Amino acid sequence: MTVKAPDRFKAANAFWIGLFKIGLTPAAVLSQARVPVTAYDGKKNLVTTAQFFALWRAVGELSSDAAAGLKIATQIDVGNRPPSTMAAYYARDYRDALARLARFKQLCTPEELQIKVSKDECLIEPVWQHAQEETPPLLTTPPLRHWLNSVAMVRGIQ
């Protein structure tokens, strides 16, 4: 069942902390993305899908590092990661971890993780409910890959 979430959500603190880890500042990214500075107040950090996509595009434009998205996702202390990752760490198995992440994302963001399991593979497709454009590359593969690897490592899955 798909729940239509409002198009205003909290950009995780991990994103803003991650910017510093790759040598960028929230002010520079907000300016490049043409997102109002009020979107980052250190607490609520509310953005729309379009603004969130613009922030990620700005990271790609400001950083010369092609792995910037992966570095944002991997260089964050466990205590600063979004709660969705914590929920997954306590899952019974990998399938349960994916289900928990999908459920949490649907509750907190206008993003749905569509998980399709077949005999030999599992396809995970993030779908942004209010997207008017394609998801920026830095927002898709690297953070998701890091999360999947982290859950696999914690769960002892090879």
C-alpha atoms as a PDB file:
ATOM      1  CA  MET A   1       0.000   0.000   0.000  1.00  0.00           C
ATOM      2  CA  THR A   2       1.424   3.338  -1.025  1.00  0.00           C
ATOM      3  CA  VAL A   3       0.820   6.289   1.258  1.00  0.00           C
ATOM      4  CA  LYS A   4       1.056   9.719  -0.341  1.00  0.00           C
ATOM      5  CA  ALA A   5       3.408  11.669   1.919  1.00  0.00           C
ATOM      6  CA  PRO A   6       3.532  15.469   1.900  1.00  0.00           C
ATOM      7  CA  ASP A   7       6.267  16.991  -0.220  1.00  0.00           C
ATOM      8  CA  ARG A   8       8.109  18.476   2.724  1.00  0.00           C
ATOM      9  CA  PHE A   9      10.462  16.411   4.819  1.00  0.00           C
ATOM     10  CA  LYS A  10      13.522  16.654   7.008  1.00  0.00           C
ATOM     11  CA  ALA A  11      16.838  16.398   5.201  1.00  0.00           C
ATOM     12  CA  ALA A  12      18.738  14.098   7.552  1.00  0.00           C
ATOM     13  CA  ASN A  13      21.434  15.611   9.738  1.00  0.00           C
ATOM     14  CA  ALA A  14      23.745  12.984   8.245  1.00  0.00           C
ATOM     15  CA  PHE A  15      23.548  14.795   4.902  1.00  0.00           C
ATOM     16  CA  TRP A  16      24.642  18.132   6.389  1.00  0.00           C
ATOM     17  CA  ILE A  17      27.377  16.513   8.493  1.00  0.00           C
ATOM     18  CA  GLY A  18      28.523  14.599   5.414  1.00  0.00           C
ATOM     19  CA  LEU A  19      29.001  17.845   3.518  1.00  0.00           C
ATOM     20  CA  PHE A  20      31.671  18.915   6.001  1.00  0.00           C
ATOM     21  CA  LYS A  21      33.328  15.495   5.702  1.00  0.00           C
ATOM     22  CA  ILE A  22      33.855  16.025   1.952  1.00  0.00           C
ATOM     23  CA  GLY A  23      35.010  19.636   2.337  1.00  0.00           C
ATOM     24  CA  LEU A  24      31.758  21.453   1.517  1.00  0.00           C
ATOM     25  CA  THR A  25      29.636  23.723   3.662  1.00  0.00           C
ATOM     26  CA  PRO A  26      25.847  23.854   3.867  1.00  0.00           C
ATOM     27  CA  ALA A  27      25.985  27.537   2.851  1.00  0.00           C
ATOM     28  CA  ALA A  28      27.923  26.773  -0.346  1.00  0.00           C
ATOM     29  CA  VAL A  29      25.640  23.882  -1.306  1.00  0.00           C
ATOM     30  CA  LEU A  30      22.472  25.871  -0.540  1.00  0.00           C
ATOM     31  CA  SER A  31      23.749  28.766  -2.632  1.00  0.00           C
ATOM     32  CA  GLN A  32      24.740  26.555  -5.577  1.00  0.00           C
ATOM     33  CA  ALA A  33      21.374  24.760  -5.393  1.00  0.00           C
ATOM     34  CA  ARG A  34      19.494  28.061  -5.124  1.00  0.00           C
ATOM     35  CA  VAL A  35      17.690  26.763  -2.078  1.00  0.00           C
ATOM     36  CA  PRO A  36      16.827  29.298   0.644  1.00  0.00           C
ATOM     37  CA  VAL A  37      19.277  29.318   3.553  1.00  0.00           C
ATOM     38  CA  THR A  38      16.282  28.821   5.842  1.00  0.00           C
ATOM     39  CA  ALA A  39      16.159  25.195   4.628  1.00  0.00           C
ATOM     40  CA  TYR A  40      19.117  24.506   6.919  1.00  0.00           C
ATOM     41  CA  ASP A  41      18.601  25.633  10.463  1.00  0.00           C
ATOM     42  CA  GLY A  42      20.546  22.866  12.193  1.00  0.00           C
ATOM     43  CA  LYS A  43      17.376  21.246  13.552  1.00  0.00           C
ATOM     44  CA  LYS A  44      14.392  20.796  11.257  1.00  0.00           C
ATOM     45  CA  ASN A  45      16.103  21.219   7.875  1.00  0.00           C
ATOM     46  CA  LEU A  46      12.826  20.948   5.949  1.00  0.00           C
ATOM     47  CA  VAL A  47      13.015  20.648   2.159  1.00  0.00           C
ATOM     48  CA  THR A  48      10.839  19.633  -0.763  1.00  0.00           C
ATOM     49  CA  THR A  49      11.768  16.865  -3.174  1.00  0.00           C
ATOM     50  CA  ALA A  50      12.819  19.442  -5.789  1.00  0.00           C
ATOM     51  CA  GLN A  51      15.019  21.227  -3.237  1.00  0.00           C
ATOM     52  CA  PHE A  52      16.543  17.943  -2.051  1.00  0.00           C
ATOM     53  CA  PHE A  53      17.375  16.982  -5.630  1.00  0.00           C
ATOM     54  CA  ALA A  54      18.870  20.453  -6.195  1.00  0.00           C
ATOM     55  CA  LEU A  55      21.061  20.019  -3.094  1.00  0.00           C
ATOM     56  CA  TRP A  56      22.407  16.711  -4.376  1.00  0.00           C
ATOM     57  CA  ARG A  57      23.034  18.154  -7.841  1.00  0.00           C
ATOM     58  CA  ALA A  58      24.894  21.043  -6.179  1.00  0.00           C
ATOM     59  CA  VAL A  59      27.102  18.586  -4.301  1.00  0.00           C
ATOM     60  CA  GLY A  60      28.012  17.011  -7.640  1.00  0.00           C
ATOM     61  CA  GLU A  61      28.746  20.413  -9.162  1.00  0.00           C
ATOM     62  CA  LEU A  62      30.842  21.666  -6.241  1.00  0.00           C
ATOM     63  CA  SER A  63      32.808  18.510  -5.569  1.00  0.00           C
ATOM     64  CA  SER A  64      35.421  17.286  -7.997  1.00  0.00           C
ATOM     65  CA  ASP A  65      35.183  13.857  -6.384  1.00  0.00           C
ATOM     66  CA  ALA A  66      32.993  11.424  -8.340  1.00  0.00           C
ATOM     67  CA  ALA A  67      32.558   9.416  -5.126  1.00  0.00           C
ATOM     68  CA  ALA A  68      31.157  12.369  -3.139  1.00  0.00           C
ATOM     69  CA  GLY A  69      27.784  10.666  -2.602  1.00  0.00           C
ATOM     70  CA  LEU A  70      29.431   7.498  -1.346  1.00  0.00           C
ATOM     71  CA  LYS A  71      31.706   9.494   0.956  1.00  0.00           C
ATOM     72  CA  ILE A  72      28.765  11.390   2.439  1.00  0.00           C
ATOM     73  CA  ALA A  73      27.121   8.044   3.163  1.00  0.00           C
ATOM     74  CA  THR A  74      30.201   6.283   4.534  1.00  0.00           C
ATOM     75  CA  GLN A  75      31.985   8.936   6.579  1.00  0.00           C
ATOM     76  CA  ILE A  76      29.170   9.529   9.044  1.00  0.00           C
ATOM     77  CA  ASP A  77      29.477   8.267  12.614  1.00  0.00           C
ATOM     78  CA  VAL A  78      26.886   5.625  13.447  1.00  0.00           C
ATOM     79  CA  GLY A  79      25.242   7.958  15.988  1.00  0.00           C
ATOM     80  CA  ASN A  80      24.524  10.547  13.295  1.00  0.00           C
ATOM     81  CA  ARG A  81      23.027   8.189  10.740  1.00  0.00           C
ATOM     82  CA  PRO A  82      19.294   8.302  10.061  1.00  0.00           C
ATOM     83  CA  PRO A  83      17.218   6.071  12.373  1.00  0.00           C
ATOM     84  CA  SER A  84      16.216   3.955   9.373  1.00  0.00           C
ATOM     85  CA  THR A  85      19.683   2.406   9.350  1.00  0.00           C
ATOM     86  CA  MET A  86      19.406   1.554  13.035  1.00  0.00           C
ATOM     87  CA  ALA A  87      16.065  -0.177  12.500  1.00  0.00           C
ATOM     88  CA  ALA A  88      17.653  -2.328   9.824  1.00  0.00           C
ATOM     89  CA  TYR A  89      20.510  -3.407  12.100  1.00  0.00           C
ATOM     90  CA  TYR A  90      18.011  -5.104  14.414  1.00  0.00           C
ATOM     91  CA  ALA A  91      16.274  -7.053  11.684  1.00  0.00           C
ATOM     92  CA  ARG A  92      15.962 -10.830  11.774  1.00  0.00           C
ATOM     93  CA  ASP A  93      17.484 -11.218   8.337  1.00  0.00           C
ATOM     94  CA  TYR A  94      18.345  -9.303   5.172  1.00  0.00           C
ATOM     95  CA  ARG A  95      14.778  -9.390   3.847  1.00  0.00           C
ATOM     96  CA  ASP A  96      13.470  -8.002   7.140  1.00  0.00           C
ATOM     97  CA  ALA A  97      16.148  -5.280   7.053  1.00  0.00           C
ATOM     98  CA  LEU A  98      15.016  -4.194   3.589  1.00  0.00           C
ATOM     99  CA  ALA A  99      11.371  -4.190   4.676  1.00  0.00           C
ATOM    100  CA  ARG A 100      12.204  -2.079   7.733  1.00  0.00           C
ATOM    101  CA  LEU A 101      14.133   0.453   5.674  1.00  0.00           C
ATOM    102  CA  ALA A 102      11.319   0.656   3.118  1.00  0.00           C
ATOM    103  CA  ARG A 103       8.696   1.139   5.836  1.00  0.00           C
ATOM    104  CA  PHE A 104      10.737   3.792   7.626  1.00  0.00           C
ATOM    105  CA  LYS A 105      11.459   5.757   4.458  1.00  0.00           C
ATOM    106  CA  GLN A 106       7.774   5.774   3.564  1.00  0.00           C
ATOM    107  CA  LEU A 107       6.918   7.167   7.006  1.00  0.00           C
ATOM    108  CA  CYS A 108       9.540   9.919   6.964  1.00  0.00           C
ATOM    109  CA  THR A 109      10.025  10.984   3.349  1.00  0.00           C
ATOM    110  CA  PRO A 110       8.043  11.064   0.123  1.00  0.00           C
ATOM    111  CA  GLU A 111      10.268   8.223  -1.074  1.00  0.00           C
ATOM    112  CA  GLU A 112       9.180   4.655  -1.575  1.00  0.00           C
ATOM    113  CA  LEU A 113      11.565   1.740  -1.887  1.00  0.00           C
ATOM    114  CA  GLN A 114       9.982  -0.741  -4.248  1.00  0.00           C
ATOM    115  CA  ILE A 115      11.427  -4.159  -3.506  1.00  0.00           C
ATOM    116  CA  LYS A 116      10.887  -6.925  -6.028  1.00  0.00           C
ATOM    117  CA  VAL A 117      12.184 -10.364  -5.150  1.00  0.00           C
ATOM    118  CA  SER A 118      12.478 -13.101  -7.728  1.00  0.00           C
ATOM    119  CA  LYS A 119      14.057 -16.512  -7.525  1.00  0.00           C
ATOM    120  CA  ASP A 120      17.665 -15.374  -7.899  1.00  0.00           C
ATOM    121  CA  GLU A 121      17.676 -11.629  -7.363  1.00  0.00           C
ATOM    122  CA  CYS A 122      16.299  -8.696  -5.452  1.00  0.00           C
ATOM    123  CA  LEU A 123      15.617  -5.413  -7.246  1.00  0.00           C
ATOM    124  CA  ILE A 124      15.430  -2.294  -5.076  1.00  0.00           C
ATOM    125  CA  GLU A 125      14.105   0.791  -6.791  1.00  0.00           C
ATOM    126  CA  PRO A 126      13.765   4.121  -4.956  1.00  0.00           C
ATOM    127  CA  VAL A 127      10.755   6.100  -6.197  1.00  0.00           C
ATOM    128  CA  TRP A 128      10.275   9.718  -5.168  1.00  0.00           C
ATOM    129  CA  GLN A 129       6.529  10.431  -5.119  1.00  0.00           C
ATOM    130  CA  HIS A 130       6.767  14.123  -5.978  1.00  0.00           C
ATOM    131  CA  ALA A 131       9.714  13.999  -8.383  1.00  0.00           C
ATOM    132  CA  GLN A 132       9.347  16.125 -11.493  1.00  0.00           C
ATOM    133  CA  GLU A 133      12.768  15.065 -12.804  1.00  0.00           C
ATOM    134  CA  GLU A 134      15.183  12.168 -12.615  1.00  0.00           C
ATOM    135  CA  THR A 135      16.813  11.423  -9.304  1.00  0.00           C
ATOM    136  CA  PRO A 136      20.354  12.866  -9.160  1.00  0.00           C
ATOM    137  CA  PRO A 137      22.964  10.093  -9.538  1.00  0.00           C
ATOM    138  CA  LEU A 138      24.706  11.007  -6.270  1.00  0.00           C
ATOM    139  CA  LEU A 139      21.435  10.378  -4.414  1.00  0.00           C
ATOM    140  CA  THR A 140      20.824   6.866  -5.691  1.00  0.00           C
ATOM    141  CA  THR A 141      23.495   4.244  -6.100  1.00  0.00           C
ATOM    142  CA  PRO A 142      26.313   5.144  -3.646  1.00  0.00           C
ATOM    143  CA  PRO A 143      24.237   5.716  -0.472  1.00  0.00           C
ATOM    144  CA  LEU A 144      22.030   2.701  -1.166  1.00  0.00           C
ATOM    145  CA  ARG A 145      25.035   0.505  -1.930  1.00  0.00           C
ATOM    146  CA  HIS A 146      26.730   1.597   1.291  1.00  0.00           C
ATOM    147  CA  TRP A 147      23.589   0.911   3.321  1.00  0.00           C
ATOM    148  CA  LEU A 148      23.163  -2.556   1.818  1.00  0.00           C
ATOM    149  CA  ASN A 149      26.809  -3.397   2.484  1.00  0.00           C
ATOM    150  CA  SER A 150      26.542  -2.130   6.068  1.00  0.00           C
ATOM    151  CA  VAL A 151      23.467  -4.234   6.782  1.00  0.00           C
ATOM    152  CA  ALA A 152      25.098  -7.262   5.187  1.00  0.00           C
ATOM    153  CA  MET A 153      28.212  -6.777   7.319  1.00  0.00           C
ATOM    154  CA  VAL A 154      26.243  -6.321  10.556  1.00  0.00           C
ATOM    155  CA  ARG A 155      23.979  -9.269   9.763  1.00  0.00           C
ATOM    156  CA  GLY A 156      26.969 -11.465   8.839  1.00  0.00           C
ATOM    157  CA  ILE A 157      25.796 -11.930   5.250  1.00  0.00           C
ATOM    158  CA  GLN A 158      28.367 -12.458   2.500  1.00  0.00           C
END
